[in-house]
Each structure stands twice: as structure tokens, then as C-alpha cells.
Amino acid sequence: MIWSLPGLFILSFSAATLLPGGSEAALLLLAAEGTYTTLTLLIVASTGNILGSLVNYALGRYALHYQDRRWFPVSAKHLTKAQNWFSRWGQWSVLGAWLPLIGDPITVTAGVMRMNWLTFLILVTLSKTLRYAALLGLFNSFT
């Protein structure tokens, strides 16, 4: 029980980075236990997830310094494709940061495109917090 909230934070953080994983099951398990308030769970999960997205943003922002290196993980073709996609959809695409599979690349691309960090933080906070709030709201409506 002592690792419950730190564990949720770590899972939420890592789920928002390019590392594989998810935090929803842990969140719902803790909600079912009833030890913590919904607000506490929402704050811990959202904070971890938002900070993980900020790591992605920072990686994207500074990654281009290394794009000419052989070990750089993204081809020039894919990088151009991501930049074109972000240019088309703009900063509002960050509201999709909660989406599985494409949410993490969106946050990295926002960094690559040097999106204003405060705007990024506001949009990603809205996106991530609303997702967890909806999940907890659905859970609470069925219990």
C-alpha cells in the first residue's frame, strides 16, 4: 500500500514517454480499493503523465542537434513527414496527446517544432487531466 501513489506516478510518467506501458489499470485498481480520493488519484496520475510529456517535448526540442548522426533514430523522411503533419494541424494537435500510439509522437513533434512551452504545457495538461477525469468518472458511475 505504501508504494501505491508513487507507483501510480511512475507508471503515469513512463506511459507518457516513448517507453511502452500504461497507467489506466493501476489507476482503476487504486480507485476500486477506495483508499484514496478520486481527486488524489487524478492529481497523481495527471502530474506524472504531464511530466512525462514534458520529457518528450524536451527530447524533441533538443534532438535535432543530433539529426545528422548515424545513430539518430528517425529518418529524414519521417522527420519531414512529422513536421509537415504538425504544421498542418498546429498546436491544437497537442490536445490529442492522450491518444494511444500517436499521443507520444505528437508531444515529441511539438518539441521538434519548437512550440511555445507554456502553450504546450496548458494543452497537454488539459488533454491528460481530462482523459484521467473521464476514466475515473466512468468508473465511479458504474460502482
N, C-alpha and C. Protein backbone atom coordinates (compact mmCIF):
# COMPACT_ATOMS: atom_id res chain seq x y z
N MET A 1 0.81 -1.19 0.00
CA MET A 1 0.00 0.00 0.00
C MET A 1 0.86 1.26 0.00
N ILE A 2 2.04 1.20 0.61
CA ILE A 2 2.88 2.38 0.73
C ILE A 2 3.38 2.86 -0.65
N TRP A 3 3.51 1.95 -1.62
CA TRP A 3 4.01 2.32 -2.94
C TRP A 3 2.89 2.65 -3.92
N SER A 4 1.66 2.66 -3.46
CA SER A 4 0.53 2.85 -4.36
C SER A 4 0.60 4.16 -5.14
N LEU A 5 0.68 5.26 -4.45
CA LEU A 5 0.71 6.56 -5.15
C LEU A 5 2.02 6.78 -5.90
N PRO A 6 3.18 6.48 -5.28
CA PRO A 6 4.41 6.60 -6.07
C PRO A 6 4.41 5.67 -7.29
N GLY A 7 3.86 4.48 -7.13
CA GLY A 7 3.77 3.55 -8.26
C GLY A 7 2.89 4.10 -9.37
N LEU A 8 1.76 4.68 -8.99
CA LEU A 8 0.87 5.29 -9.98
C LEU A 8 1.57 6.44 -10.69
N PHE A 9 2.29 7.24 -9.94
CA PHE A 9 3.03 8.36 -10.53
C PHE A 9 4.05 7.85 -11.55
N ILE A 10 4.83 6.84 -11.16
CA ILE A 10 5.87 6.29 -12.05
C ILE A 10 5.25 5.68 -13.30
N LEU A 11 4.18 4.91 -13.12
CA LEU A 11 3.51 4.32 -14.29
C LEU A 11 2.94 5.40 -15.20
N SER A 12 2.35 6.42 -14.62
CA SER A 12 1.77 7.51 -15.41
C SER A 12 2.86 8.29 -16.14
N PHE A 13 3.96 8.51 -15.46
CA PHE A 13 5.10 9.21 -16.07
C PHE A 13 5.63 8.41 -17.26
N SER A 14 5.93 7.14 -17.04
CA SER A 14 6.53 6.32 -18.10
C SER A 14 5.55 6.10 -19.25
N ALA A 15 4.25 6.04 -18.95
CA ALA A 15 3.25 5.85 -20.01
C ALA A 15 3.21 7.04 -20.95
N ALA A 16 3.60 8.20 -20.50
CA ALA A 16 3.59 9.41 -21.33
C ALA A 16 4.87 9.59 -22.12
N THR A 17 5.89 8.82 -21.80
CA THR A 17 7.15 8.91 -22.55
C THR A 17 7.10 7.92 -23.70
N LEU A 18 8.18 7.80 -24.41
CA LEU A 18 8.23 6.86 -25.51
C LEU A 18 8.41 5.42 -25.04
N LEU A 19 8.52 5.23 -23.72
CA LEU A 19 8.60 3.86 -23.18
C LEU A 19 7.23 3.20 -23.28
N PRO A 20 7.20 1.89 -23.50
CA PRO A 20 5.90 1.22 -23.55
C PRO A 20 5.29 1.12 -22.16
N GLY A 21 3.99 1.11 -22.11
CA GLY A 21 3.31 0.94 -20.83
C GLY A 21 2.05 1.76 -20.75
N GLY A 22 1.30 1.48 -19.72
CA GLY A 22 0.05 2.19 -19.49
C GLY A 22 -0.18 2.37 -18.01
N SER A 23 -1.04 3.27 -17.67
CA SER A 23 -1.31 3.57 -16.27
C SER A 23 -2.77 3.38 -15.89
N GLU A 24 -3.61 3.14 -16.87
CA GLU A 24 -5.05 3.09 -16.63
C GLU A 24 -5.43 1.97 -15.66
N ALA A 25 -4.85 0.80 -15.82
CA ALA A 25 -5.19 -0.33 -14.95
C ALA A 25 -4.83 -0.03 -13.50
N ALA A 26 -3.66 0.55 -13.29
CA ALA A 26 -3.25 0.90 -11.92
C ALA A 26 -4.17 1.95 -11.33
N LEU A 27 -4.55 2.92 -12.14
CA LEU A 27 -5.46 3.98 -11.68
C LEU A 27 -6.79 3.38 -11.24
N LEU A 28 -7.35 2.51 -12.06
CA LEU A 28 -8.65 1.92 -11.74
C LEU A 28 -8.56 0.95 -10.56
N LEU A 29 -7.44 0.26 -10.44
CA LEU A 29 -7.24 -0.63 -9.29
C LEU A 29 -7.23 0.17 -7.99
N LEU A 30 -6.51 1.27 -7.99
CA LEU A 30 -6.47 2.12 -6.80
C LEU A 30 -7.82 2.76 -6.52
N ALA A 31 -8.55 3.11 -7.56
CA ALA A 31 -9.89 3.67 -7.38
C ALA A 31 -10.81 2.62 -6.77
N ALA A 32 -10.67 1.38 -7.21
CA ALA A 32 -11.51 0.29 -6.68
C ALA A 32 -11.20 0.00 -5.23
N GLU A 33 -9.95 0.14 -4.84
CA GLU A 33 -9.57 -0.09 -3.44
C GLU A 33 -10.23 0.93 -2.51
N GLY A 34 -10.43 2.12 -3.00
CA GLY A 34 -11.09 3.15 -2.21
C GLY A 34 -10.25 3.78 -1.12
N THR A 35 -8.96 3.53 -1.13
CA THR A 35 -8.07 4.09 -0.12
C THR A 35 -7.84 5.59 -0.33
N TYR A 36 -7.81 6.00 -1.58
CA TYR A 36 -7.51 7.40 -1.91
C TYR A 36 -8.72 8.04 -2.56
N THR A 37 -8.83 9.33 -2.41
CA THR A 37 -9.93 10.05 -3.05
C THR A 37 -9.71 10.09 -4.56
N THR A 38 -10.78 10.28 -5.27
CA THR A 38 -10.70 10.40 -6.73
C THR A 38 -9.81 11.58 -7.11
N LEU A 39 -9.93 12.68 -6.38
CA LEU A 39 -9.11 13.86 -6.66
C LEU A 39 -7.63 13.57 -6.49
N THR A 40 -7.27 12.85 -5.43
CA THR A 40 -5.87 12.50 -5.20
C THR A 40 -5.34 11.65 -6.35
N LEU A 41 -6.10 10.66 -6.76
CA LEU A 41 -5.68 9.80 -7.87
C LEU A 41 -5.56 10.60 -9.16
N LEU A 42 -6.49 11.50 -9.38
CA LEU A 42 -6.46 12.34 -10.58
C LEU A 42 -5.21 13.21 -10.60
N ILE A 43 -4.88 13.81 -9.48
CA ILE A 43 -3.72 14.70 -9.40
C ILE A 43 -2.42 13.92 -9.60
N VAL A 44 -2.29 12.77 -8.95
CA VAL A 44 -1.05 11.99 -9.05
C VAL A 44 -0.86 11.46 -10.48
N ALA A 45 -1.90 10.86 -11.04
CA ALA A 45 -1.79 10.30 -12.39
C ALA A 45 -1.55 11.41 -13.42
N SER A 46 -2.28 12.49 -13.31
CA SER A 46 -2.14 13.59 -14.27
C SER A 46 -0.76 14.23 -14.18
N THR A 47 -0.28 14.44 -12.98
CA THR A 47 1.04 15.06 -12.80
C THR A 47 2.14 14.20 -13.42
N GLY A 48 2.10 12.91 -13.15
CA GLY A 48 3.09 12.01 -13.74
C GLY A 48 3.02 12.02 -15.25
N ASN A 49 1.82 11.96 -15.79
CA ASN A 49 1.63 11.92 -17.24
C ASN A 49 2.06 13.23 -17.90
N ILE A 50 1.75 14.35 -17.27
CA ILE A 50 2.14 15.66 -17.81
C ILE A 50 3.66 15.80 -17.81
N LEU A 51 4.30 15.40 -16.72
CA LEU A 51 5.76 15.49 -16.66
C LEU A 51 6.43 14.58 -17.69
N GLY A 52 5.85 13.40 -17.92
CA GLY A 52 6.37 12.52 -18.96
C GLY A 52 6.27 13.16 -20.34
N SER A 53 5.18 13.86 -20.58
CA SER A 53 5.01 14.57 -21.86
C SER A 53 6.02 15.70 -21.99
N LEU A 54 6.34 16.35 -20.88
CA LEU A 54 7.36 17.40 -20.92
C LEU A 54 8.74 16.83 -21.26
N VAL A 55 9.01 15.61 -20.81
CA VAL A 55 10.27 14.94 -21.20
C VAL A 55 10.29 14.72 -22.71
N ASN A 56 9.17 14.24 -23.25
CA ASN A 56 9.09 14.06 -24.71
C ASN A 56 9.32 15.37 -25.45
N TYR A 57 8.69 16.43 -24.96
CA TYR A 57 8.84 17.76 -25.56
C TYR A 57 10.32 18.16 -25.56
N ALA A 58 10.98 17.98 -24.43
CA ALA A 58 12.40 18.35 -24.32
C ALA A 58 13.25 17.50 -25.26
N LEU A 59 12.95 16.20 -25.35
CA LEU A 59 13.68 15.34 -26.28
C LEU A 59 13.53 15.85 -27.71
N GLY A 60 12.31 16.19 -28.08
CA GLY A 60 12.07 16.70 -29.42
C GLY A 60 12.77 18.03 -29.66
N ARG A 61 12.74 18.86 -28.67
CA ARG A 61 13.32 20.21 -28.81
C ARG A 61 14.83 20.15 -29.03
N TYR A 62 15.50 19.22 -28.35
CA TYR A 62 16.95 19.16 -28.42
C TYR A 62 17.47 18.06 -29.34
N ALA A 63 16.59 17.20 -29.81
CA ALA A 63 17.02 16.07 -30.63
C ALA A 63 17.60 16.49 -31.98
N LEU A 64 17.09 17.58 -32.52
CA LEU A 64 17.54 17.97 -33.85
C LEU A 64 19.02 18.33 -33.90
N HIS A 65 19.62 18.58 -32.76
CA HIS A 65 21.06 18.84 -32.72
C HIS A 65 21.83 17.61 -33.19
N TYR A 66 21.20 16.45 -33.12
CA TYR A 66 21.88 15.19 -33.42
C TYR A 66 21.33 14.51 -34.67
N GLN A 67 20.52 15.18 -35.44
CA GLN A 67 19.86 14.54 -36.58
C GLN A 67 20.84 14.07 -37.66
N ASP A 68 22.03 14.61 -37.70
CA ASP A 68 23.00 14.20 -38.72
C ASP A 68 23.85 13.01 -38.27
N ARG A 69 23.65 12.57 -37.06
CA ARG A 69 24.41 11.42 -36.54
C ARG A 69 23.82 10.11 -37.08
N ARG A 70 24.66 9.15 -37.24
CA ARG A 70 24.24 7.86 -37.77
C ARG A 70 23.24 7.15 -36.88
N TRP A 71 23.37 7.32 -35.59
CA TRP A 71 22.53 6.61 -34.63
C TRP A 71 21.19 7.29 -34.39
N PHE A 72 20.97 8.47 -35.01
CA PHE A 72 19.72 9.20 -34.80
C PHE A 72 18.54 8.30 -35.20
N PRO A 73 17.56 8.12 -34.30
CA PRO A 73 16.53 7.08 -34.50
C PRO A 73 15.45 7.39 -35.53
N VAL A 74 15.40 8.60 -36.06
CA VAL A 74 14.34 8.97 -37.01
C VAL A 74 14.96 9.37 -38.34
N SER A 75 14.47 8.78 -39.40
CA SER A 75 14.99 9.11 -40.73
C SER A 75 14.56 10.52 -41.11
N ALA A 76 15.29 11.11 -42.03
CA ALA A 76 14.95 12.45 -42.51
C ALA A 76 13.56 12.47 -43.12
N LYS A 77 13.19 11.40 -43.79
CA LYS A 77 11.87 11.29 -44.41
C LYS A 77 10.77 11.32 -43.35
N HIS A 78 10.93 10.54 -42.30
CA HIS A 78 9.92 10.50 -41.23
C HIS A 78 9.87 11.81 -40.45
N LEU A 79 11.03 12.43 -40.27
CA LEU A 79 11.08 13.71 -39.58
C LEU A 79 10.34 14.78 -40.37
N THR A 80 10.57 14.82 -41.66
CA THR A 80 9.86 15.78 -42.51
C THR A 80 8.37 15.51 -42.51
N LYS A 81 7.99 14.26 -42.54
CA LYS A 81 6.57 13.89 -42.52
C LYS A 81 5.91 14.37 -41.22
N ALA A 82 6.58 14.15 -40.09
CA ALA A 82 6.05 14.60 -38.80
C ALA A 82 5.95 16.12 -38.74
N GLN A 83 6.96 16.80 -39.24
CA GLN A 83 6.94 18.27 -39.23
C GLN A 83 5.82 18.81 -40.12
N ASN A 84 5.63 18.19 -41.27
CA ASN A 84 4.54 18.62 -42.16
C ASN A 84 3.18 18.39 -41.51
N TRP A 85 3.04 17.24 -40.85
CA TRP A 85 1.79 16.92 -40.17
C TRP A 85 1.50 17.95 -39.08
N PHE A 86 2.51 18.27 -38.28
CA PHE A 86 2.33 19.24 -37.20
C PHE A 86 2.06 20.63 -37.76
N SER A 87 2.71 20.98 -38.84
CA SER A 87 2.46 22.29 -39.46
C SER A 87 1.01 22.38 -39.95
N ARG A 88 0.50 21.28 -40.44
CA ARG A 88 -0.89 21.27 -40.93
C ARG A 88 -1.89 21.39 -39.79
N TRP A 89 -1.71 20.62 -38.73
CA TRP A 89 -2.68 20.57 -37.63
C TRP A 89 -2.37 21.57 -36.52
N GLY A 90 -1.14 22.00 -36.43
CA GLY A 90 -0.77 23.04 -35.48
C GLY A 90 -0.77 22.61 -34.03
N GLN A 91 -0.68 23.60 -33.18
CA GLN A 91 -0.55 23.36 -31.74
C GLN A 91 -1.76 22.65 -31.17
N TRP A 92 -2.93 22.76 -31.79
CA TRP A 92 -4.13 22.12 -31.26
C TRP A 92 -4.04 20.60 -31.30
N SER A 93 -3.12 20.08 -32.11
CA SER A 93 -2.94 18.64 -32.16
C SER A 93 -2.46 18.09 -30.82
N VAL A 94 -1.87 18.94 -30.00
CA VAL A 94 -1.39 18.51 -28.68
C VAL A 94 -2.56 18.06 -27.80
N LEU A 95 -3.76 18.51 -28.11
CA LEU A 95 -4.92 18.02 -27.37
C LEU A 95 -5.12 16.52 -27.58
N GLY A 96 -4.50 15.96 -28.60
CA GLY A 96 -4.55 14.52 -28.84
C GLY A 96 -3.43 13.76 -28.16
N ALA A 97 -2.73 14.41 -27.25
CA ALA A 97 -1.61 13.76 -26.56
C ALA A 97 -2.05 12.56 -25.73
N TRP A 98 -3.31 12.47 -25.38
CA TRP A 98 -3.80 11.36 -24.58
C TRP A 98 -4.05 10.10 -25.42
N LEU A 99 -4.06 10.24 -26.73
CA LEU A 99 -4.39 9.12 -27.60
C LEU A 99 -3.30 8.04 -27.60
N PRO A 100 -3.71 6.78 -27.56
CA PRO A 100 -2.72 5.70 -27.65
C PRO A 100 -1.99 5.73 -29.00
N LEU A 101 -0.78 5.32 -28.99
CA LEU A 101 0.10 5.19 -30.16
C LEU A 101 0.56 6.51 -30.77
N ILE A 102 -0.32 7.48 -30.96
CA ILE A 102 0.11 8.72 -31.61
C ILE A 102 0.34 9.87 -30.64
N GLY A 103 -0.13 9.74 -29.39
CA GLY A 103 -0.01 10.83 -28.43
C GLY A 103 1.43 11.17 -28.10
N ASP A 104 2.26 10.15 -27.88
CA ASP A 104 3.66 10.41 -27.53
C ASP A 104 4.42 11.05 -28.69
N PRO A 105 4.29 10.54 -29.91
CA PRO A 105 4.96 11.24 -31.02
C PRO A 105 4.48 12.68 -31.22
N ILE A 106 3.23 12.95 -30.91
CA ILE A 106 2.74 14.33 -31.01
C ILE A 106 3.52 15.24 -30.06
N THR A 107 3.76 14.77 -28.83
CA THR A 107 4.46 15.61 -27.86
C THR A 107 5.93 15.80 -28.24
N VAL A 108 6.54 14.77 -28.83
CA VAL A 108 7.92 14.91 -29.31
C VAL A 108 7.97 15.90 -30.47
N THR A 109 7.02 15.76 -31.39
CA THR A 109 6.99 16.64 -32.56
C THR A 109 6.75 18.09 -32.14
N ALA A 110 5.95 18.30 -31.11
CA ALA A 110 5.75 19.67 -30.61
C ALA A 110 7.08 20.28 -30.18
N GLY A 111 7.93 19.48 -29.57
CA GLY A 111 9.26 19.96 -29.20
C GLY A 111 10.13 20.23 -30.41
N VAL A 112 10.09 19.31 -31.38
CA VAL A 112 10.86 19.49 -32.61
C VAL A 112 10.46 20.79 -33.30
N MET A 113 9.17 21.07 -33.30
CA MET A 113 8.65 22.26 -33.97
C MET A 113 8.79 23.52 -33.10
N ARG A 114 9.39 23.36 -31.94
CA ARG A 114 9.65 24.47 -31.02
C ARG A 114 8.38 25.24 -30.65
N MET A 115 7.33 24.46 -30.40
CA MET A 115 6.08 25.05 -29.93
C MET A 115 6.35 25.78 -28.62
N ASN A 116 5.67 26.88 -28.40
CA ASN A 116 5.82 27.62 -27.15
C ASN A 116 5.57 26.67 -25.99
N TRP A 117 6.51 26.60 -25.04
CA TRP A 117 6.41 25.60 -23.98
C TRP A 117 5.22 25.83 -23.06
N LEU A 118 4.85 27.08 -22.82
CA LEU A 118 3.72 27.35 -21.94
C LEU A 118 2.40 26.93 -22.61
N THR A 119 2.27 27.20 -23.88
CA THR A 119 1.09 26.75 -24.62
C THR A 119 1.04 25.23 -24.62
N PHE A 120 2.19 24.60 -24.85
CA PHE A 120 2.28 23.14 -24.81
C PHE A 120 1.83 22.62 -23.45
N LEU A 121 2.35 23.21 -22.39
CA LEU A 121 2.01 22.77 -21.04
C LEU A 121 0.51 22.89 -20.77
N ILE A 122 -0.08 23.98 -21.17
CA ILE A 122 -1.52 24.19 -20.96
C ILE A 122 -2.33 23.14 -21.72
N LEU A 123 -2.01 22.94 -22.99
CA LEU A 123 -2.78 22.00 -23.80
C LEU A 123 -2.58 20.55 -23.36
N VAL A 124 -1.36 20.19 -23.02
CA VAL A 124 -1.12 18.81 -22.60
C VAL A 124 -1.73 18.57 -21.22
N THR A 125 -1.74 19.57 -20.36
CA THR A 125 -2.38 19.43 -19.05
C THR A 125 -3.88 19.22 -19.22
N LEU A 126 -4.47 19.98 -20.08
CA LEU A 126 -5.90 19.82 -20.36
C LEU A 126 -6.19 18.43 -20.91
N SER A 127 -5.41 18.01 -21.88
CA SER A 127 -5.60 16.72 -22.52
C SER A 127 -5.45 15.55 -21.54
N LYS A 128 -4.37 15.54 -20.83
CA LYS A 128 -4.07 14.41 -19.92
C LYS A 128 -5.03 14.37 -18.74
N THR A 129 -5.32 15.53 -18.16
CA THR A 129 -6.19 15.57 -16.99
C THR A 129 -7.62 15.19 -17.35
N LEU A 130 -8.11 15.68 -18.47
CA LEU A 130 -9.47 15.33 -18.89
C LEU A 130 -9.60 13.84 -19.18
N ARG A 131 -8.57 13.24 -19.74
CA ARG A 131 -8.62 11.80 -20.00
C ARG A 131 -8.76 11.02 -18.71
N TYR A 132 -7.91 11.32 -17.72
CA TYR A 132 -7.99 10.61 -16.44
C TYR A 132 -9.30 10.92 -15.72
N ALA A 133 -9.77 12.16 -15.82
CA ALA A 133 -11.04 12.53 -15.18
C ALA A 133 -12.19 11.75 -15.80
N ALA A 134 -12.19 11.62 -17.12
CA ALA A 134 -13.24 10.85 -17.80
C ALA A 134 -13.18 9.38 -17.39
N LEU A 135 -12.00 8.84 -17.32
CA LEU A 135 -11.83 7.44 -16.92
C LEU A 135 -12.34 7.21 -15.50
N LEU A 136 -11.95 8.09 -14.59
CA LEU A 136 -12.41 7.97 -13.20
C LEU A 136 -13.91 8.23 -13.09
N GLY A 137 -14.41 9.17 -13.87
CA GLY A 137 -15.85 9.45 -13.86
C GLY A 137 -16.66 8.25 -14.33
N LEU A 138 -16.20 7.61 -15.40
CA LEU A 138 -16.88 6.41 -15.87
C LEU A 138 -16.83 5.30 -14.83
N PHE A 139 -15.67 5.13 -14.24
CA PHE A 139 -15.50 4.10 -13.21
C PHE A 139 -16.45 4.36 -12.05
N ASN A 140 -16.48 5.59 -11.58
CA ASN A 140 -17.35 5.93 -10.44
C ASN A 140 -18.84 5.80 -10.76
N SER A 141 -19.19 6.00 -12.02
CA SER A 141 -20.60 5.88 -12.38
C SER A 141 -21.07 4.43 -12.42
N PHE A 142 -20.14 3.50 -12.53
CA PHE A 142 -20.50 2.09 -12.57
C PHE A 142 -20.27 1.37 -11.24
N THR A 143 -19.76 2.08 -10.26
CA THR A 143 -19.54 1.43 -8.95
C THR A 143 -20.47 1.97 -7.89
